[in-house]
N, C-alpha and C. Protein backbone atom coordinates (compact mmCIF):
# COMPACT_ATOMS: atom_id res chain seq x y z
N TYR A 1 11.80 -11.76 -1.01
CA TYR A 1 10.43 -10.93 -1.55
C TYR A 1 10.48 -10.47 -3.05
N MET A 2 12.34 -10.96 -3.39
CA MET A 2 11.94 -10.45 -4.66
C MET A 2 11.60 -11.54 -5.75
N ARG A 3 10.85 -12.89 -5.43
CA ARG A 3 10.68 -13.62 -6.45
C ARG A 3 9.54 -13.12 -6.93
N PRO A 4 8.26 -12.36 -6.57
CA PRO A 4 7.25 -11.89 -7.00
C PRO A 4 7.77 -10.79 -7.77
N ILE A 5 8.34 -9.85 -7.28
CA ILE A 5 9.29 -8.67 -8.46
C ILE A 5 9.79 -9.55 -9.69
N ARG A 6 10.41 -10.53 -9.55
CA ARG A 6 11.30 -11.09 -10.79
C ARG A 6 10.15 -11.66 -11.70
N LYS A 7 9.10 -12.06 -10.98
CA LYS A 7 7.91 -12.88 -11.89
C LYS A 7 7.44 -11.97 -12.71
N TYR A 8 6.81 -10.38 -12.40
CA TYR A 8 6.66 -9.87 -13.17
C TYR A 8 7.79 -8.93 -14.05
N ARG A 9 8.63 -8.77 -13.30
CA ARG A 9 9.59 -8.20 -14.63
C ARG A 9 9.91 -9.38 -15.72
N GLU A 10 10.07 -10.06 -15.50
CA GLU A 10 10.07 -11.15 -16.41
C GLU A 10 9.21 -11.27 -17.48
N LYS A 11 7.44 -10.94 -17.17
CA LYS A 11 6.93 -10.43 -18.11
C LYS A 11 6.97 -9.53 -18.83
N GLY A 12 7.91 -8.51 -18.62
CA GLY A 12 8.38 -7.24 -19.08
C GLY A 12 7.23 -6.32 -18.61
N SER A 13 6.65 -6.45 -17.16
CA SER A 13 6.48 -5.29 -16.61
C SER A 13 7.37 -4.22 -15.78
N ASP A 14 6.61 -2.90 -15.32
CA ASP A 14 7.59 -2.08 -15.38
C ASP A 14 6.93 -1.32 -13.48
N PHE A 15 7.82 -1.23 -12.93
CA PHE A 15 7.18 -0.55 -11.45
C PHE A 15 7.61 0.62 -11.53
N ARG A 16 6.68 1.92 -11.09
CA ARG A 16 7.28 2.92 -11.51
C ARG A 16 7.10 3.97 -10.05
N ARG A 17 6.87 4.50 -9.51
CA ARG A 17 6.79 5.31 -8.13
C ARG A 17 5.87 6.14 -8.72
N ILE A 18 4.52 6.62 -8.49
CA ILE A 18 3.22 7.51 -8.40
C ILE A 18 3.43 8.62 -7.80
N GLU A 19 3.87 10.03 -8.60
CA GLU A 19 3.38 11.15 -8.03
C GLU A 19 2.44 11.53 -7.92
N GLY A 20 1.63 12.45 -7.39
CA GLY A 20 0.45 13.19 -7.43
C GLY A 20 -0.71 11.85 -7.31
N PHE A 21 -1.66 12.00 -8.43
CA PHE A 21 -2.79 11.03 -8.55
C PHE A 21 -3.16 10.58 -9.82
N ASN A 22 -3.24 9.70 -9.80
CA ASN A 22 -3.32 9.10 -11.22
C ASN A 22 -5.07 8.45 -11.41
N SER A 23 -5.72 8.69 -12.48
CA SER A 23 -7.02 8.22 -12.58
C SER A 23 -6.80 6.80 -12.92
N ARG A 24 -5.75 6.15 -13.25
CA ARG A 24 -6.14 4.95 -13.09
C ARG A 24 -6.06 3.90 -11.79
N ILE A 25 -5.82 4.63 -10.86
CA ILE A 25 -5.86 4.37 -9.16
C ILE A 25 -7.23 3.89 -9.14
N ARG A 26 -8.05 5.17 -9.62
CA ARG A 26 -9.53 5.23 -9.26
C ARG A 26 -10.44 3.73 -10.04
N LYS A 27 -9.76 3.71 -11.24
CA LYS A 27 -10.81 2.47 -12.24
C LYS A 27 -10.20 1.00 -12.02
N LEU A 28 -8.88 1.15 -11.26
CA LEU A 28 -8.57 0.23 -10.95
C LEU A 28 -9.12 -0.31 -9.73
N HIS A 29 -9.64 0.60 -8.81
CA HIS A 29 -10.13 0.25 -7.59
C HIS A 29 -11.68 0.28 -7.84
N GLU A 30 -12.05 1.00 -9.01
CA GLU A 30 -13.68 0.50 -9.21
C GLU A 30 -14.16 -0.68 -9.57
N GLU A 31 -13.14 -1.20 -10.65
CA GLU A 31 -12.95 -2.66 -11.24
C GLU A 31 -13.06 -3.77 -10.17
N ARG A 32 -12.30 -3.34 -9.21
CA ARG A 32 -12.23 -4.67 -8.14
C ARG A 32 -13.45 -4.58 -7.14
N TRP A 33 -13.49 -3.57 -6.65
CA TRP A 33 -14.61 -2.92 -5.90
C TRP A 33 -15.70 -2.34 -5.50
N GLY A 34 -16.42 -1.65 -6.90
CA GLY A 34 -17.01 -0.83 -7.41
C GLY A 34 -16.49 0.25 -6.96
N ALA A 35 -17.92 1.25 -7.07
CA ALA A 35 -17.77 2.89 -6.93
C ALA A 35 -18.07 3.12 -5.33
N ASN A 36 -17.27 2.85 -4.08
CA ASN A 36 -17.29 2.62 -3.01
C ASN A 36 -16.42 3.58 -2.14
N ARG A 37 -15.53 4.16 -2.95
CA ARG A 37 -14.79 5.23 -2.20
C ARG A 37 -15.36 6.66 -2.58
N SER A 38 -15.21 7.73 -1.68
CA SER A 38 -15.62 9.38 -2.36
C SER A 38 -14.69 9.89 -3.08
N ASP A 39 -14.99 10.69 -3.74
CA ASP A 39 -13.89 11.86 -4.13
C ASP A 39 -13.03 12.40 -3.14
N GLU A 40 -13.12 12.66 -2.06
CA GLU A 40 -11.95 12.78 -1.10
C GLU A 40 -11.11 12.02 -0.46
N PHE A 41 -11.81 10.89 -0.48
CA PHE A 41 -10.54 9.53 -0.90
C PHE A 41 -9.37 9.62 -1.74
N TYR A 42 -9.83 10.05 -2.46
CA TYR A 42 -8.83 10.26 -4.11
C TYR A 42 -8.24 11.71 -3.71
N SER A 43 -9.06 12.36 -3.19
CA SER A 43 -8.47 13.46 -3.13
C SER A 43 -7.47 13.59 -1.82
N TYR A 44 -7.77 12.75 -0.64
CA TYR A 44 -6.51 12.24 0.09
C TYR A 44 -5.23 11.75 -0.21
N LEU A 45 -5.39 10.70 -1.14
CA LEU A 45 -4.30 9.97 -1.47
C LEU A 45 -3.44 10.93 -2.45
N GLU A 46 -3.67 11.72 -2.84
CA GLU A 46 -2.98 12.49 -3.81
C GLU A 46 -2.64 14.04 -3.21
N TYR A 47 -2.92 14.10 -2.08
CA TYR A 47 -2.41 15.35 -1.08
C TYR A 47 -1.74 14.95 -0.23
N MET A 48 -1.17 13.45 0.22
CA MET A 48 -0.85 12.89 0.95
C MET A 48 0.80 12.82 -0.23
N ASN A 49 0.71 12.48 -1.31
CA ASN A 49 1.71 12.08 -2.40
C ASN A 49 2.63 13.29 -2.48
N ARG A 50 1.79 14.34 -3.00
CA ARG A 50 2.20 15.64 -3.68
C ARG A 50 2.78 16.23 -2.21
N ASN A 51 2.37 15.87 -0.97
CA ASN A 51 2.76 16.99 -0.19
C ASN A 51 4.34 15.80 0.56
N ASP A 52 4.38 15.05 -0.10
CA ASP A 52 5.92 14.06 0.34
C ASP A 52 5.44 13.02 1.72
N LEU A 53 4.21 13.03 2.13
CA LEU A 53 3.99 12.51 3.01
C LEU A 53 3.62 10.43 3.06
N SER A 54 3.68 10.59 1.50
CA SER A 54 3.76 9.11 1.38
C SER A 54 4.50 8.70 -0.12
N ARG A 55 4.67 7.73 -0.41
CA ARG A 55 4.98 7.32 -1.20
C ARG A 55 4.14 5.50 -1.98
N SER A 56 3.72 6.54 -3.46
CA SER A 56 2.98 5.07 -4.02
C SER A 56 4.21 4.52 -5.35
N TYR A 57 3.74 3.42 -5.59
CA TYR A 57 4.29 2.67 -6.57
C TYR A 57 2.91 1.87 -7.64
N GLY A 58 3.04 1.90 -8.60
CA GLY A 58 2.20 1.47 -9.32
C GLY A 58 3.18 -0.23 -10.26
N LEU A 59 2.55 -0.78 -10.48
CA LEU A 59 2.61 -1.72 -11.39
C LEU A 59 2.32 -2.32 -12.21
N TYR A 60 2.86 -1.75 -13.86
CA TYR A 60 2.40 -1.86 -15.20
C TYR A 60 2.62 -2.68 -16.13
N LEU A 61 1.98 -3.04 -16.64
CA LEU A 61 2.33 -4.49 -17.49
C LEU A 61 1.49 -3.77 -19.21
N ASP A 62 1.94 -3.83 -19.87
CA ASP A 62 1.62 -3.15 -21.22
C ASP A 62 1.12 -2.32 -21.16
N ASP A 63 1.51 -1.04 -20.54
CA ASP A 63 1.11 0.03 -20.33
C ASP A 63 -0.16 0.36 -18.94
N LYS A 64 -0.71 -0.61 -18.85
CA LYS A 64 -1.91 -0.87 -18.04
C LYS A 64 -1.36 -0.94 -16.59
N LEU A 65 -2.42 -0.32 -15.48
CA LEU A 65 -2.13 -0.55 -14.34
C LEU A 65 -2.64 -1.41 -13.40
N ILE A 66 -1.93 -2.46 -12.93
CA ILE A 66 -2.19 -4.02 -12.68
C ILE A 66 -2.23 -4.26 -11.01
N SER A 67 -1.33 -3.10 -10.12
CA SER A 67 -1.45 -3.14 -9.03
C SER A 67 -0.95 -1.97 -8.15
N TYR A 68 -1.39 -1.24 -7.31
CA TYR A 68 -0.98 -0.14 -6.81
C TYR A 68 -0.83 -0.36 -5.29
N VAL A 69 0.03 0.67 -4.85
CA VAL A 69 0.38 0.66 -3.31
C VAL A 69 0.72 1.99 -2.70
N GLN A 70 0.14 2.42 -1.59
CA GLN A 70 0.41 3.99 -0.93
C GLN A 70 1.04 3.22 0.09
N VAL A 71 2.48 4.11 0.39
CA VAL A 71 3.04 3.61 1.99
C VAL A 71 2.98 5.66 2.71
N ILE A 72 2.25 5.59 3.89
CA ILE A 72 2.75 7.06 4.36
C ILE A 72 4.21 6.73 5.38
N MET A 73 4.78 8.03 5.19
CA MET A 73 6.15 8.06 5.85
C MET A 73 5.77 9.10 7.16
N THR A 74 6.51 8.41 8.08
CA THR A 74 6.32 9.30 9.43
C THR A 74 8.15 9.31 9.87
N GLY A 75 8.79 9.73 9.87
CA GLY A 75 9.79 9.56 10.56
C GLY A 75 10.74 8.32 9.96
N ASN A 76 11.04 7.38 10.76
CA ASN A 76 12.24 6.73 10.39
C ASN A 76 11.28 5.35 9.84
N THR A 77 9.55 5.06 9.84
CA THR A 77 8.74 4.00 9.52
C THR A 77 7.97 4.42 8.48
N GLY A 78 7.55 3.45 7.88
CA GLY A 78 6.98 3.65 6.71
C GLY A 78 5.57 2.56 6.76
N HIS A 79 4.15 3.35 6.79
CA HIS A 79 3.49 2.70 7.27
C HIS A 79 2.46 2.41 5.66
N TYR A 80 2.22 0.77 5.52
CA TYR A 80 1.11 0.17 4.92
C TYR A 80 0.08 1.07 4.84
N TYR A 81 -0.53 1.80 3.63
CA TYR A 81 -1.95 1.89 3.99
C TYR A 81 -3.24 1.70 3.08
N TYR A 82 -2.71 1.48 2.03
CA TYR A 82 -3.70 1.64 0.81
C TYR A 82 -3.38 0.72 -0.13
N SER A 83 -3.78 -0.39 -0.71
CA SER A 83 -3.39 -1.08 -2.20
C SER A 83 -4.68 -1.53 -2.67
N ILE A 84 -4.36 -1.76 -3.98
CA ILE A 84 -5.53 -1.91 -5.05
C ILE A 84 -4.73 -3.09 -6.10
N PHE A 85 -5.08 -4.26 -6.32
CA PHE A 85 -4.56 -5.43 -7.39
C PHE A 85 -5.99 -5.73 -8.65
N ASP A 86 -5.52 -6.20 -9.71
CA ASP A 86 -6.55 -6.56 -10.77
C ASP A 86 -6.10 -8.04 -10.50
N THR A 87 -7.56 -8.65 -9.96
CA THR A 87 -7.34 -9.96 -9.62
C THR A 87 -7.30 -10.81 -11.05
N ASP A 88 -7.02 -10.35 -12.30
CA ASP A 88 -6.70 -11.58 -13.34
C ASP A 88 -5.32 -11.48 -13.52
N TYR A 89 -4.67 -10.95 -12.32
CA TYR A 89 -2.68 -11.33 -12.85
C TYR A 89 -2.76 -11.80 -11.00
N ASP A 90 -2.33 -12.55 -11.20
CA ASP A 90 -1.90 -13.48 -10.44
C ASP A 90 -0.88 -13.35 -9.57
N GLY A 91 -0.93 -12.65 -8.32
CA GLY A 91 0.59 -12.35 -7.64
C GLY A 91 1.03 -10.83 -7.89
N ALA A 92 -0.08 -9.67 -8.40
CA ALA A 92 0.20 -8.78 -8.57
C ALA A 92 0.61 -8.12 -7.58
N GLY A 93 -0.54 -8.18 -6.72
CA GLY A 93 -0.76 -7.55 -4.98
C GLY A 93 0.49 -7.63 -4.15
N SER A 94 1.13 -9.15 -4.30
CA SER A 94 2.22 -9.10 -3.61
C SER A 94 3.53 -8.08 -4.01
N ALA A 95 3.98 -8.45 -5.34
CA ALA A 95 4.49 -7.95 -6.24
C ALA A 95 4.51 -6.49 -5.70
N ILE A 96 3.24 -5.20 -5.95
CA ILE A 96 3.65 -4.10 -5.36
C ILE A 96 3.87 -3.83 -4.54
N ILE A 97 3.53 -4.62 -3.28
CA ILE A 97 3.43 -4.47 -1.90
C ILE A 97 4.90 -4.80 -1.62
N ASN A 98 6.06 -5.86 -1.76
CA ASN A 98 6.75 -6.51 -2.07
C ASN A 98 7.96 -5.23 -2.60
N TYR A 99 7.72 -4.97 -3.62
CA TYR A 99 8.23 -3.67 -4.18
C TYR A 99 8.38 -2.59 -3.41
N ALA A 100 7.56 -2.48 -2.57
CA ALA A 100 7.46 -1.13 -1.51
C ALA A 100 8.44 -1.10 -0.60
N LEU A 101 8.33 -2.57 -0.50
CA LEU A 101 9.12 -2.56 1.12
C LEU A 101 10.83 -2.94 0.69
N LYS A 102 10.93 -3.24 -0.25
CA LYS A 102 12.32 -3.51 -1.11
C LYS A 102 12.58 -1.83 -1.10
N GLU A 103 12.08 -1.18 -1.90
CA GLU A 103 12.15 0.60 -1.96
C GLU A 103 12.43 1.15 -0.29
N ALA A 104 11.59 1.28 0.09
CA ALA A 104 11.95 1.54 2.10
C ALA A 104 13.05 0.89 2.32
N LEU A 105 13.55 -0.55 2.20
CA LEU A 105 15.20 -0.79 2.57
C LEU A 105 15.73 -0.25 1.79
N ASP A 106 15.62 -0.19 0.72
CA ASP A 106 16.83 0.55 0.12
C ASP A 106 17.08 1.62 -0.01
N SER A 107 16.38 2.46 0.33
CA SER A 107 16.43 4.11 0.99
C SER A 107 16.93 4.48 2.16
N LYS A 108 17.60 3.34 3.03
CA LYS A 108 18.17 3.32 4.12
C LYS A 108 17.50 4.33 4.99
N LYS A 109 16.82 5.03 4.57
CA LYS A 109 15.63 6.09 5.14
C LYS A 109 14.79 5.34 6.31
N LEU A 110 14.46 4.70 6.40
CA LEU A 110 13.44 3.58 6.96
C LEU A 110 14.03 2.11 7.83
N ARG A 111 13.46 2.42 9.28
CA ARG A 111 14.09 1.44 10.01
C ARG A 111 12.93 0.41 10.39
N TYR A 112 11.85 0.93 10.03
CA TYR A 112 10.56 0.18 10.60
C TYR A 112 9.57 -0.13 9.24
N PHE A 113 8.96 -0.89 9.10
CA PHE A 113 7.70 -0.82 7.97
C PHE A 113 6.66 -1.79 8.57
N SER A 114 5.78 -0.74 8.87
CA SER A 114 4.34 -1.45 9.73
C SER A 114 3.15 -1.41 8.82
N TYR A 115 2.95 -3.17 8.84
CA TYR A 115 1.65 -3.32 8.13
C TYR A 115 0.84 -2.91 8.35
N GLY A 116 0.28 -2.54 9.73
CA GLY A 116 -0.40 -2.64 10.33
C GLY A 116 -1.79 -2.85 10.94
N ARG A 117 -2.87 -2.81 11.24
CA ARG A 117 -3.93 -3.72 11.72
C ARG A 117 -4.58 -4.64 10.47
N GLY A 118 -4.71 -6.16 11.43
CA GLY A 118 -5.56 -6.69 10.55
C GLY A 118 -4.59 -7.95 10.13
N SER A 119 -4.97 -9.02 10.35
CA SER A 119 -4.06 -10.65 9.97
C SER A 119 -4.12 -11.19 8.64
N GLU A 120 -4.37 -10.34 7.46
CA GLU A 120 -3.51 -11.08 6.23
C GLU A 120 -2.74 -11.68 6.26
N VAL A 121 -2.86 -12.55 5.24
CA VAL A 121 -1.12 -13.75 5.21
C VAL A 121 0.12 -13.00 5.35
N PHE A 122 -0.47 -11.88 4.22
CA PHE A 122 0.78 -11.25 3.75
C PHE A 122 1.90 -10.36 4.36
N LYS A 123 1.19 -9.61 5.32
CA LYS A 123 1.52 -8.98 6.41
C LYS A 123 2.28 -10.09 7.51
N HIS A 124 2.10 -11.39 7.61
CA HIS A 124 3.05 -12.21 8.36
C HIS A 124 3.87 -12.86 7.82
N ARG A 125 4.39 -12.72 6.27
CA ARG A 125 5.41 -12.97 5.87
C ARG A 125 6.96 -12.30 5.91
N TRP A 126 6.54 -11.05 6.35
CA TRP A 126 7.69 -10.68 6.61
C TRP A 126 8.20 -9.75 7.89
N CYS A 127 7.28 -10.19 8.93
CA CYS A 127 7.49 -9.50 10.46
C CYS A 127 8.25 -10.35 11.22
N THR A 128 9.25 -9.74 11.94
CA THR A 128 10.11 -10.36 13.26
C THR A 128 9.34 -10.01 14.28
N ASP A 129 8.39 -9.30 14.62
CA ASP A 129 7.35 -8.76 15.64
C ASP A 129 5.97 -8.54 15.38
N ILE A 130 4.84 -9.16 16.19
CA ILE A 130 3.77 -8.69 15.97
C ILE A 130 3.64 -8.82 17.08
N PHE A 131 2.42 -6.83 17.05
CA PHE A 131 1.97 -6.04 18.33
C PHE A 131 0.69 -6.51 18.21
N LYS A 132 0.48 -6.59 19.26
CA LYS A 132 -0.90 -6.62 19.36
C LYS A 132 -1.74 -5.12 19.62
N ASN A 133 -2.83 -5.38 19.34
CA ASN A 133 -3.37 -3.78 19.19
C ASN A 133 -5.16 -4.19 19.40
N TYR A 134 -4.88 -3.23 20.86
CA TYR A 134 -5.90 -3.40 22.09
C TYR A 134 -7.13 -2.14 21.66
N ARG A 135 -8.39 -1.92 21.64
CA ARG A 135 -9.34 -1.09 21.98
C ARG A 135 -9.88 -1.21 23.77
N LEU A 136 -9.76 -0.09 24.22
CA LEU A 136 -10.82 -0.16 25.62
C LEU A 136 -11.81 0.84 25.43
N ARG A 137 -12.63 0.25 25.74
CA ARG A 137 -13.89 1.01 26.38
C ARG A 137 -14.48 1.06 27.20
N GLY A 138 -15.19 2.50 27.92
CA GLY A 138 -15.29 2.47 29.20
C GLY A 138 -16.44 3.54 28.85
N PHE A 139 -17.03 3.54 30.62
CA PHE A 139 -18.26 4.29 30.32
C PHE A 139 -17.71 5.22 31.82
N LEU A 140 -18.18 6.52 31.78
CA LEU A 140 -18.17 7.42 32.59
C LEU A 140 -19.20 7.68 33.10
N GLU A 141 -19.20 7.82 35.00
CA GLU A 141 -20.28 7.36 35.67
C GLU A 141 -20.33 9.03 36.12
N GLU A 142 -21.71 9.69 36.17
CA GLU A 142 -22.28 10.85 35.95
C GLU A 142 -21.69 11.12 37.94
N PRO A 143 -21.05 12.73 37.86
CA PRO A 143 -20.72 12.80 38.64
C PRO A 143 -21.71 13.24 40.19
N PHE A 144 -21.43 12.75 41.13
CA PHE A 144 -22.43 12.81 42.06
C PHE A 144 -22.98 14.09 42.65
């Protein structure tokens, strides 16, 4: 996981822990995906950071935020929650996710790191176990 981190450190980038909320996160998201997130979403990101329920990290190059990740903390597990990156910077998304993973491992407080649902390639690079997630649907019969 160190290769993408080294790549950006050699370019003079800076990995930083982000406390609270940073308006650059919204700007980065809107540049990538448009204005498809509500104010409540960004307020939730801030709430989790402010109340020490999550850890957020940003990758800055020339003081410009080029990638961001937020990890929710529960007990001894870090849960990948949200990330965004500038597509103009090859590997910036992988670098920030790997940095968050490195910080989780270095903290010695975490035993597990969950990438959550989905089958994106980056989620398989570090897995030792893959857990299946099922959704059960049923219908209740009317009582007789």
